[in-house]
Amino acid sequence: ATTPGFAITHQAATAFFHDTLGLDPDTASHATNLARKALHIPAYALVGSLLWWVLPDQPGRAAIALGLALVIAVSDESLQAAHPGRTGSAWDVLLDGLGAGLGVHLARFLSRRWH
């Protein structure tokens, strides 16, 4: 069982893949799940880069930003696990951490180019 809002979102995305791209319903559902997982990376790249930018310029800044992003990711998945009809996922935390690492790296790179 899923929560109503989640089910509606999943159905709408699956309908998009089915109606727009002509995928069969099973493949469209798989494409929806893949897209949902893939979106963890850019979302947490934004989180990681924003955390890096707001932290003071100090040794360990990148590690602190990445650590804070992981705390947010674990908290988010824990909240999902506590919600009826939802599950928490270590895989999602891994994707979130990858995205946060990319975001921190990008922020560091851009900062060096601008200064």
N, C-alpha and C. Protein backbone atom coordinates (compact mmCIF):
# COMPACT_ATOMS: atom_id res chain seq x y z
N ALA A 1 0.84 -1.19 0.00
CA ALA A 1 0.00 0.00 0.00
C ALA A 1 0.88 1.24 0.00
N THR A 2 0.43 2.26 -0.67
CA THR A 2 1.15 3.52 -0.70
C THR A 2 0.22 4.63 -0.23
N THR A 3 0.83 5.75 0.11
CA THR A 3 0.03 6.89 0.51
C THR A 3 -0.66 7.46 -0.72
N PRO A 4 -1.82 8.09 -0.56
CA PRO A 4 -2.57 8.58 -1.73
C PRO A 4 -1.78 9.55 -2.60
N GLY A 5 -1.10 10.51 -1.99
CA GLY A 5 -0.34 11.49 -2.78
C GLY A 5 0.76 10.84 -3.59
N PHE A 6 1.45 9.89 -2.98
CA PHE A 6 2.52 9.18 -3.69
C PHE A 6 1.95 8.38 -4.85
N ALA A 7 0.83 7.70 -4.62
CA ALA A 7 0.21 6.89 -5.67
C ALA A 7 -0.21 7.75 -6.85
N ILE A 8 -0.77 8.93 -6.58
CA ILE A 8 -1.19 9.83 -7.65
C ILE A 8 0.02 10.29 -8.46
N THR A 9 1.10 10.66 -7.77
CA THR A 9 2.31 11.10 -8.45
C THR A 9 2.88 9.98 -9.31
N HIS A 10 2.93 8.77 -8.75
CA HIS A 10 3.46 7.63 -9.50
C HIS A 10 2.58 7.35 -10.72
N GLN A 11 1.26 7.40 -10.52
CA GLN A 11 0.35 7.16 -11.64
C GLN A 11 0.50 8.21 -12.73
N ALA A 12 0.66 9.46 -12.32
CA ALA A 12 0.80 10.54 -13.31
C ALA A 12 2.09 10.38 -14.10
N ALA A 13 3.17 10.08 -13.42
CA ALA A 13 4.45 9.90 -14.11
C ALA A 13 4.41 8.68 -15.02
N THR A 14 3.82 7.60 -14.54
CA THR A 14 3.70 6.40 -15.36
C THR A 14 2.84 6.67 -16.60
N ALA A 15 1.77 7.42 -16.42
CA ALA A 15 0.92 7.79 -17.55
C ALA A 15 1.70 8.61 -18.56
N PHE A 16 2.57 9.50 -18.09
CA PHE A 16 3.40 10.29 -19.00
C PHE A 16 4.27 9.37 -19.85
N PHE A 17 4.97 8.45 -19.20
CA PHE A 17 5.85 7.54 -19.95
C PHE A 17 5.05 6.66 -20.91
N HIS A 18 3.85 6.27 -20.48
CA HIS A 18 3.01 5.41 -21.33
C HIS A 18 2.42 6.20 -22.50
N ASP A 19 1.79 7.33 -22.20
CA ASP A 19 1.07 8.09 -23.22
C ASP A 19 2.01 8.86 -24.15
N THR A 20 3.02 9.49 -23.58
CA THR A 20 3.89 10.35 -24.38
C THR A 20 4.96 9.56 -25.13
N LEU A 21 5.55 8.59 -24.43
CA LEU A 21 6.65 7.85 -25.05
C LEU A 21 6.20 6.51 -25.64
N GLY A 22 4.95 6.14 -25.40
CA GLY A 22 4.43 4.91 -25.96
C GLY A 22 4.94 3.64 -25.31
N LEU A 23 5.42 3.75 -24.08
CA LEU A 23 5.90 2.55 -23.38
C LEU A 23 4.73 1.72 -22.88
N ASP A 24 4.92 0.40 -22.84
CA ASP A 24 3.86 -0.43 -22.28
C ASP A 24 3.76 -0.13 -20.78
N PRO A 25 2.63 -0.41 -20.13
CA PRO A 25 2.42 -0.02 -18.73
C PRO A 25 3.50 -0.53 -17.77
N ASP A 26 3.97 -1.75 -17.95
CA ASP A 26 4.99 -2.29 -17.06
C ASP A 26 6.31 -1.53 -17.21
N THR A 27 6.71 -1.31 -18.46
CA THR A 27 7.95 -0.57 -18.73
C THR A 27 7.81 0.88 -18.26
N ALA A 28 6.64 1.46 -18.45
CA ALA A 28 6.40 2.84 -18.00
C ALA A 28 6.53 2.94 -16.48
N SER A 29 6.04 1.94 -15.76
CA SER A 29 6.16 1.93 -14.30
C SER A 29 7.63 1.82 -13.88
N HIS A 30 8.38 0.96 -14.58
CA HIS A 30 9.82 0.83 -14.29
C HIS A 30 10.56 2.13 -14.60
N ALA A 31 10.19 2.78 -15.69
CA ALA A 31 10.81 4.06 -16.05
C ALA A 31 10.53 5.12 -14.99
N THR A 32 9.32 5.10 -14.45
CA THR A 32 8.96 6.04 -13.38
C THR A 32 9.83 5.81 -12.15
N ASN A 33 9.99 4.54 -11.77
CA ASN A 33 10.83 4.23 -10.61
C ASN A 33 12.28 4.63 -10.84
N LEU A 34 12.79 4.38 -12.04
CA LEU A 34 14.16 4.77 -12.36
C LEU A 34 14.33 6.29 -12.31
N ALA A 35 13.37 7.01 -12.87
CA ALA A 35 13.43 8.47 -12.85
C ALA A 35 13.40 9.00 -11.42
N ARG A 36 12.54 8.41 -10.58
CA ARG A 36 12.45 8.85 -9.18
C ARG A 36 13.79 8.63 -8.47
N LYS A 37 14.43 7.51 -8.71
CA LYS A 37 15.73 7.24 -8.07
C LYS A 37 16.80 8.19 -8.62
N ALA A 38 16.79 8.40 -9.92
CA ALA A 38 17.80 9.25 -10.54
C ALA A 38 17.70 10.69 -10.05
N LEU A 39 16.51 11.14 -9.69
CA LEU A 39 16.34 12.52 -9.23
C LEU A 39 16.97 12.79 -7.87
N HIS A 40 17.31 11.72 -7.13
CA HIS A 40 18.00 11.92 -5.85
C HIS A 40 19.35 12.62 -6.08
N ILE A 41 20.02 12.29 -7.16
CA ILE A 41 21.37 12.83 -7.38
C ILE A 41 21.36 14.34 -7.59
N PRO A 42 20.60 14.89 -8.55
CA PRO A 42 20.62 16.36 -8.68
C PRO A 42 20.01 17.08 -7.48
N ALA A 43 19.01 16.47 -6.84
CA ALA A 43 18.41 17.13 -5.67
C ALA A 43 19.45 17.29 -4.56
N TYR A 44 20.20 16.24 -4.29
CA TYR A 44 21.20 16.33 -3.23
C TYR A 44 22.48 17.02 -3.69
N ALA A 45 22.71 17.11 -4.99
CA ALA A 45 23.81 17.94 -5.48
C ALA A 45 23.52 19.40 -5.10
N LEU A 46 22.27 19.79 -5.22
CA LEU A 46 21.87 21.14 -4.82
C LEU A 46 22.04 21.31 -3.31
N VAL A 47 21.60 20.32 -2.54
CA VAL A 47 21.74 20.38 -1.08
C VAL A 47 23.22 20.50 -0.69
N GLY A 48 24.05 19.64 -1.26
CA GLY A 48 25.48 19.65 -0.94
C GLY A 48 26.14 20.96 -1.29
N SER A 49 25.83 21.49 -2.48
CA SER A 49 26.46 22.75 -2.88
C SER A 49 25.98 23.92 -2.02
N LEU A 50 24.69 23.94 -1.70
CA LEU A 50 24.19 25.03 -0.84
C LEU A 50 24.81 24.96 0.55
N LEU A 51 24.93 23.76 1.09
CA LEU A 51 25.56 23.63 2.40
C LEU A 51 27.01 24.11 2.35
N TRP A 52 27.73 23.75 1.30
CA TRP A 52 29.12 24.19 1.18
C TRP A 52 29.20 25.72 1.12
N TRP A 53 28.31 26.35 0.38
CA TRP A 53 28.35 27.81 0.24
C TRP A 53 28.00 28.53 1.54
N VAL A 54 27.12 27.96 2.37
CA VAL A 54 26.72 28.67 3.59
C VAL A 54 27.67 28.44 4.75
N LEU A 55 28.51 27.43 4.66
CA LEU A 55 29.46 27.18 5.75
C LEU A 55 30.64 28.15 5.66
N PRO A 56 31.22 28.50 6.82
CA PRO A 56 32.38 29.39 6.78
C PRO A 56 33.57 28.71 6.11
N ASP A 57 34.41 29.53 5.51
CA ASP A 57 35.61 29.02 4.84
C ASP A 57 36.60 28.55 5.90
N GLN A 58 36.66 27.26 6.10
CA GLN A 58 37.51 26.67 7.14
C GLN A 58 37.98 25.30 6.68
N PRO A 59 39.05 24.78 7.31
CA PRO A 59 39.47 23.43 6.96
C PRO A 59 38.33 22.43 7.24
N GLY A 60 38.15 21.50 6.36
CA GLY A 60 37.10 20.49 6.54
C GLY A 60 35.73 20.93 6.08
N ARG A 61 35.65 22.07 5.45
CA ARG A 61 34.36 22.61 5.00
C ARG A 61 33.61 21.61 4.11
N ALA A 62 34.31 21.00 3.17
CA ALA A 62 33.66 20.05 2.26
C ALA A 62 33.15 18.83 3.01
N ALA A 63 33.96 18.32 3.93
CA ALA A 63 33.55 17.15 4.71
C ALA A 63 32.35 17.46 5.59
N ILE A 64 32.33 18.66 6.16
CA ILE A 64 31.20 19.06 7.00
C ILE A 64 29.93 19.17 6.15
N ALA A 65 30.05 19.78 4.98
CA ALA A 65 28.88 19.91 4.09
C ALA A 65 28.36 18.54 3.69
N LEU A 66 29.27 17.64 3.33
CA LEU A 66 28.86 16.29 2.94
C LEU A 66 28.23 15.56 4.13
N GLY A 67 28.83 15.71 5.31
CA GLY A 67 28.27 15.07 6.50
C GLY A 67 26.87 15.57 6.83
N LEU A 68 26.67 16.87 6.73
CA LEU A 68 25.35 17.44 6.99
C LEU A 68 24.32 16.96 5.96
N ALA A 69 24.75 16.88 4.70
CA ALA A 69 23.84 16.37 3.66
C ALA A 69 23.45 14.92 3.95
N LEU A 70 24.39 14.13 4.43
CA LEU A 70 24.08 12.74 4.76
C LEU A 70 23.15 12.65 5.97
N VAL A 71 23.32 13.54 6.93
CA VAL A 71 22.39 13.57 8.07
C VAL A 71 20.98 13.88 7.58
N ILE A 72 20.87 14.81 6.65
CA ILE A 72 19.56 15.15 6.08
C ILE A 72 18.99 13.93 5.34
N ALA A 73 19.83 13.26 4.56
CA ALA A 73 19.37 12.10 3.79
C ALA A 73 18.88 10.97 4.70
N VAL A 74 19.67 10.68 5.75
CA VAL A 74 19.28 9.62 6.68
C VAL A 74 18.00 10.02 7.41
N SER A 75 17.89 11.28 7.80
CA SER A 75 16.68 11.76 8.48
C SER A 75 15.46 11.63 7.57
N ASP A 76 15.63 12.01 6.32
CA ASP A 76 14.53 11.92 5.35
C ASP A 76 14.07 10.47 5.18
N GLU A 77 15.01 9.56 5.02
CA GLU A 77 14.65 8.16 4.83
C GLU A 77 14.04 7.57 6.11
N SER A 78 14.51 8.02 7.27
CA SER A 78 13.94 7.55 8.54
C SER A 78 12.50 8.01 8.69
N LEU A 79 12.24 9.26 8.31
CA LEU A 79 10.87 9.76 8.35
C LEU A 79 9.97 9.00 7.39
N GLN A 80 10.49 8.68 6.22
CA GLN A 80 9.70 7.90 5.27
C GLN A 80 9.39 6.51 5.84
N ALA A 81 10.38 5.90 6.48
CA ALA A 81 10.18 4.56 7.03
C ALA A 81 9.13 4.57 8.14
N ALA A 82 9.00 5.70 8.83
CA ALA A 82 8.03 5.81 9.92
C ALA A 82 6.62 6.12 9.42
N HIS A 83 6.50 6.46 8.14
CA HIS A 83 5.21 6.82 7.57
C HIS A 83 4.54 5.57 7.00
N PRO A 84 3.29 5.33 7.37
CA PRO A 84 2.60 4.14 6.85
C PRO A 84 2.55 4.15 5.31
N GLY A 85 2.87 3.02 4.74
CA GLY A 85 2.83 2.91 3.30
C GLY A 85 4.10 3.34 2.60
N ARG A 86 5.09 3.80 3.34
CA ARG A 86 6.37 4.23 2.76
C ARG A 86 7.48 3.38 3.34
N THR A 87 8.60 3.38 2.68
CA THR A 87 9.77 2.67 3.19
C THR A 87 10.98 3.58 3.10
N GLY A 88 11.91 3.36 4.00
CA GLY A 88 13.19 4.04 3.93
C GLY A 88 14.15 3.17 3.14
N SER A 89 15.14 3.77 2.51
CA SER A 89 16.02 3.00 1.64
C SER A 89 17.47 3.43 1.81
N ALA A 90 18.32 2.46 2.15
CA ALA A 90 19.75 2.74 2.21
C ALA A 90 20.28 3.11 0.82
N TRP A 91 19.69 2.51 -0.21
CA TRP A 91 20.07 2.83 -1.59
C TRP A 91 19.82 4.31 -1.88
N ASP A 92 18.70 4.85 -1.41
CA ASP A 92 18.41 6.27 -1.60
C ASP A 92 19.43 7.14 -0.87
N VAL A 93 19.83 6.73 0.33
CA VAL A 93 20.85 7.49 1.07
C VAL A 93 22.17 7.47 0.29
N LEU A 94 22.51 6.34 -0.29
CA LEU A 94 23.72 6.25 -1.11
C LEU A 94 23.64 7.19 -2.31
N LEU A 95 22.50 7.20 -3.00
CA LEU A 95 22.32 8.12 -4.13
C LEU A 95 22.38 9.57 -3.66
N ASP A 96 21.78 9.85 -2.51
CA ASP A 96 21.81 11.20 -1.95
C ASP A 96 23.24 11.62 -1.64
N GLY A 97 24.00 10.71 -1.05
CA GLY A 97 25.40 11.00 -0.73
C GLY A 97 26.23 11.25 -1.98
N LEU A 98 25.98 10.47 -3.02
CA LEU A 98 26.67 10.67 -4.29
C LEU A 98 26.35 12.05 -4.85
N GLY A 99 25.08 12.40 -4.84
CA GLY A 99 24.67 13.72 -5.32
C GLY A 99 25.28 14.84 -4.50
N ALA A 100 25.27 14.69 -3.18
CA ALA A 100 25.84 15.72 -2.30
C ALA A 100 27.33 15.87 -2.56
N GLY A 101 28.02 14.75 -2.73
CA GLY A 101 29.45 14.82 -3.04
C GLY A 101 29.72 15.55 -4.35
N LEU A 102 28.91 15.28 -5.35
CA LEU A 102 29.06 15.98 -6.63
C LEU A 102 28.79 17.48 -6.46
N GLY A 103 27.76 17.81 -5.67
CA GLY A 103 27.44 19.21 -5.45
C GLY A 103 28.53 19.95 -4.70
N VAL A 104 29.09 19.32 -3.68
CA VAL A 104 30.20 19.94 -2.93
C VAL A 104 31.40 20.14 -3.85
N HIS A 105 31.70 19.12 -4.64
CA HIS A 105 32.83 19.22 -5.57
C HIS A 105 32.61 20.35 -6.57
N LEU A 106 31.40 20.46 -7.10
CA LEU A 106 31.09 21.53 -8.06
C LEU A 106 31.21 22.90 -7.40
N ALA A 107 30.70 23.03 -6.17
CA ALA A 107 30.79 24.31 -5.46
C ALA A 107 32.25 24.70 -5.22
N ARG A 108 33.07 23.74 -4.82
CA ARG A 108 34.51 24.01 -4.61
C ARG A 108 35.17 24.44 -5.91
N PHE A 109 34.85 23.74 -6.99
CA PHE A 109 35.42 24.06 -8.29
C PHE A 109 35.04 25.47 -8.72
N LEU A 110 33.75 25.79 -8.61
CA LEU A 110 33.28 27.12 -9.02
C LEU A 110 33.88 28.22 -8.15
N SER A 111 34.02 27.94 -6.86
CA SER A 111 34.59 28.92 -5.96
C SER A 111 36.03 29.24 -6.34
N ARG A 112 36.79 28.25 -6.71
CA ARG A 112 38.19 28.47 -7.12
C ARG A 112 38.26 29.25 -8.42
N ARG A 113 37.33 29.02 -9.30
CA ARG A 113 37.34 29.74 -10.59
C ARG A 113 36.93 31.21 -10.41
N TRP A 114 36.06 31.47 -9.44
CA TRP A 114 35.57 32.83 -9.24
C TRP A 114 36.48 33.66 -8.35
N HIS A 115 37.36 33.02 -7.61
CA HIS A 115 38.23 33.79 -6.69
C HIS A 115 39.65 33.79 -7.13
